Protein backbone atom coordinates (compact mmCIF):
# COMPACT_ATOMS: atom_id res chain seq x y z
CA MET A 1 73.82 -55.24 -116.28
CA SER A 2 70.41 -54.33 -117.07
CA ASP A 3 69.12 -50.99 -116.88
CA THR A 4 66.40 -51.97 -114.41
CA ARG A 5 68.86 -53.06 -112.32
CA PHE A 6 70.96 -50.28 -112.05
CA THR A 7 67.83 -48.63 -111.20
CA MET A 8 66.90 -50.74 -108.44
CA ILE A 9 70.53 -50.88 -107.14
CA GLY A 10 70.25 -46.99 -107.01
CA ILE A 11 67.18 -46.73 -104.92
CA ALA A 12 68.70 -49.14 -102.98
CA LEU A 13 72.06 -47.47 -102.17
CA VAL A 14 70.17 -44.23 -101.61
CA PHE A 15 67.88 -45.47 -99.37
CA VAL A 16 70.43 -47.07 -97.33
CA GLY A 17 72.44 -44.23 -97.13
CA PHE A 18 69.50 -42.05 -95.60
CA ILE A 19 68.75 -44.88 -93.39
CA ILE A 20 72.13 -45.10 -92.11
CA LEU A 21 72.24 -41.50 -91.76
CA GLY A 22 69.30 -41.56 -89.66
CA VAL A 23 70.09 -44.27 -87.49
CA PHE A 24 73.88 -43.47 -86.76
CA GLY A 25 74.03 -39.75 -87.54
CA HIS A 26 73.21 -38.49 -84.45
CA ASP A 27 76.33 -39.78 -82.80
CA TYR A 28 78.43 -37.79 -85.16
CA GLN A 29 76.87 -34.47 -84.86
CA ALA A 30 78.24 -33.12 -81.82
CA ALA A 31 81.77 -32.89 -82.39
CA THR A 32 81.70 -29.54 -84.90
CA LEU A 33 79.67 -27.69 -81.96
CA GLU A 34 81.38 -29.08 -79.54
CA SER A 35 84.73 -27.96 -80.93
CA ASN A 36 83.44 -24.64 -82.25
CA GLU A 37 81.79 -23.27 -79.19
CA PHE A 38 83.78 -24.96 -76.07
CA GLY A 39 87.44 -25.82 -77.53
CA THR A 40 87.16 -29.25 -75.99
CA CYS A 41 85.72 -32.24 -77.00
CA TYR A 42 84.29 -35.58 -74.79
CA GLU A 43 83.36 -38.90 -75.38
CA TYR A 44 80.19 -39.58 -73.80
CA SER A 45 79.47 -43.40 -72.16
CA ASP A 46 76.76 -44.64 -69.95
CA LYS A 47 78.67 -46.37 -67.97
CA GLU A 48 80.98 -43.86 -67.08
CA ALA A 49 81.81 -40.21 -66.75
CA PRO A 50 82.75 -38.19 -69.99
CA ILE A 51 86.22 -38.55 -70.97
CA GLU A 52 88.04 -35.27 -72.79
CA ILE A 53 89.58 -36.47 -75.84
CA ASN A 54 91.49 -34.67 -78.78
CA CYS A 55 88.56 -32.58 -80.88
CA SER A 56 90.37 -33.79 -84.27
CA PHE A 57 89.99 -37.29 -83.83
CA LYS A 58 86.33 -36.77 -83.39
CA ILE A 59 86.16 -34.52 -86.19
CA PHE A 60 88.03 -37.18 -88.29
CA ASN A 61 85.28 -39.78 -87.06
CA GLN A 62 82.86 -37.30 -88.28
CA THR A 63 84.33 -36.81 -91.44
CA LEU A 64 84.80 -40.06 -92.15
CA PHE A 65 80.89 -40.59 -91.73
CA PHE A 66 79.43 -38.47 -93.67
CA ALA A 67 82.14 -39.21 -96.32
CA LEU A 68 80.57 -42.82 -96.46
CA ILE A 69 77.18 -41.95 -96.85
CA ILE A 70 78.07 -39.43 -99.33
CA GLY A 71 79.80 -42.05 -101.41
CA PHE A 72 76.16 -44.38 -100.62
CA ILE A 73 74.10 -41.94 -101.79
CA GLY A 74 76.58 -40.83 -104.67
CA ALA A 75 77.08 -43.89 -105.93
CA GLY A 76 73.08 -44.38 -105.88
CA ILE A 77 72.42 -41.33 -107.89
CA ILE A 78 75.01 -42.62 -110.45
CA ALA A 79 73.28 -45.94 -110.76
CA LEU A 80 70.06 -44.44 -110.90
CA VAL A 81 71.36 -41.75 -113.64
CA LYS A 82 72.78 -44.77 -115.58
CA GLY A 83 69.79 -46.68 -115.15
CA VAL A 84 67.31 -43.81 -116.48
CA LYS A 85 69.96 -42.69 -119.70
CA GLY A 86 70.18 -46.78 -120.58
CA ASN A 87 69.52 -47.52 -123.95
CA TRP A 88 68.20 -51.22 -123.20
CA ASP A 89 65.07 -50.90 -125.88
CA ASN A 90 67.45 -50.19 -128.64
CA LYS A 91 70.17 -52.91 -128.01
CA VAL A 92 68.18 -55.95 -128.27
CA LYS A 93 69.68 -58.33 -130.46
CA PRO A 94 67.38 -59.89 -133.30
CA LYS A 95 67.78 -63.56 -132.55
CA ASP A 96 66.89 -62.30 -128.94
CA MET A 97 63.54 -60.85 -130.31
CA VAL A 98 60.34 -62.66 -128.92
CA GLY A 99 56.90 -62.47 -131.18
CA PRO A 100 56.11 -62.79 -134.34
CA ASP A 101 58.50 -62.20 -137.10
CA ARG A 102 57.46 -58.31 -138.75
CA ARG A 103 57.95 -60.01 -142.39
CA GLU A 104 55.30 -62.69 -141.58
CA LYS A 105 51.98 -61.56 -142.76
CA ASP A 106 49.18 -61.90 -140.52
CA ASP A 107 46.57 -64.44 -141.44
CA SER A 108 44.07 -62.77 -139.48
CA ASP A 109 43.86 -59.72 -142.08
CA LYS A 110 42.54 -61.71 -144.66
CA ASP A 111 39.31 -62.39 -143.30
């Protein structure tokens, strides 16, 4: 795969990770606070009263969400590093090179 593609994929993955964190992250922030400060956790809904739930389930969901985000951002960073460290300029095969042949003499120099 081309190094430019790795760079573009890396930028896209990091961007998607931060967008998902920004859009859905507020739902997963309160679990640790509720557990540490109050000892009980509640699941909130717009239609019914808060329901008391086990805090470990809520913290587990929070951990999975942040692991997913770290996975997206980490994969993006790895792709960026692979794209930046690539040596695509050095791996061009002679048959794929375009332009005038270096061994041919340029006729414009004779004038």
